[in-house]
């Protein structure tokens, strides 16, 4: 649908609404929704999604960009 690519760092900015998968949810695939606070991945791309910290403090890899 209208989602951008969460594997490219250039698409990610603080304040962006995203859905991430937490480390503990990787097997189940449960997604956590929130707003990006910090970008933790240093490389320009990552095949499993860019790792971010949400404003809630949750850390995980982006699976979907909402807006």
Protein backbone atom coordinates (compact mmCIF):
# COMPACT_ATOMS: atom_id res chain seq x y z
CA UNK A 1 0.00 0.00 0.00
CA UNK A 2 1.40 3.46 0.77
CA UNK A 3 4.35 2.30 2.88
CA UNK A 4 7.93 3.39 2.27
CA UNK A 5 10.95 1.14 2.65
CA UNK A 6 12.01 0.64 6.28
CA UNK A 7 15.31 -0.97 5.22
CA UNK A 8 16.82 2.32 3.96
CA UNK A 9 18.13 4.81 6.53
CA UNK A 10 17.50 7.75 4.17
CA UNK A 11 13.71 7.18 4.56
CA UNK A 12 13.82 7.40 8.38
CA UNK A 13 13.65 10.63 10.38
CA UNK A 14 12.86 11.38 14.02
CA UNK A 15 9.14 12.08 14.43
CA UNK A 16 8.14 9.49 11.82
CA UNK A 17 5.25 7.15 12.76
CA UNK A 18 6.34 3.53 12.27
CA UNK A 19 5.65 -0.07 13.23
CA UNK A 20 8.64 -2.00 14.57
CA UNK A 21 9.31 -5.58 15.58
CA UNK A 22 10.89 -5.91 19.03
CA UNK A 23 13.63 -8.49 19.61
CA UNK A 24 11.27 -10.57 21.78
CA UNK A 25 8.58 -10.46 19.05
CA UNK A 26 10.76 -11.53 16.11
CA UNK A 27 9.39 -15.09 16.12
CA UNK A 28 5.73 -14.07 16.52
CA UNK A 29 5.98 -11.05 14.21
CA UNK A 30 4.00 -8.82 16.60
CA UNK A 31 4.45 -5.17 15.63
CA UNK A 32 4.72 -2.21 18.01
CA UNK A 33 3.52 1.17 16.77
CA UNK A 34 5.20 4.40 17.76
CA UNK A 35 7.14 7.52 16.81
CA UNK A 36 10.88 7.43 16.03
CA UNK A 37 13.06 9.18 18.62
CA UNK A 38 16.56 7.95 17.64
CA UNK A 39 18.01 6.06 14.65
CA UNK A 40 20.35 3.36 15.96
CA UNK A 41 21.52 1.73 12.70
CA UNK A 42 24.61 3.49 11.32
CA UNK A 43 24.75 1.81 7.89
CA UNK A 44 22.67 3.27 5.01
CA UNK A 45 20.63 0.04 4.62
CA UNK A 46 19.81 -3.09 6.61
CA UNK A 47 18.00 -6.13 5.14
CA UNK A 48 15.87 -6.68 8.27
CA UNK A 49 14.97 -3.01 8.78
CA UNK A 50 16.64 0.01 10.32
CA UNK A 51 16.92 -0.24 14.12
CA UNK A 52 15.33 2.67 15.97
CA UNK A 53 14.35 3.77 19.47
CA UNK A 54 10.76 4.97 19.79
CA UNK A 55 9.66 7.84 22.03
CA UNK A 56 8.25 5.15 24.35
CA UNK A 57 11.79 3.74 24.77
CA UNK A 58 11.08 0.56 22.80
CA UNK A 59 13.90 -0.54 20.47
CA UNK A 60 13.36 -2.59 17.34
CA UNK A 61 13.63 -2.81 13.57
CA UNK A 62 11.24 -0.95 11.29
CA UNK A 63 8.82 -3.16 9.40
CA UNK A 64 6.34 -0.50 8.24
CA UNK A 65 6.39 3.27 7.85
CA UNK A 66 2.95 4.70 8.53
CA UNK A 67 3.57 8.35 7.56
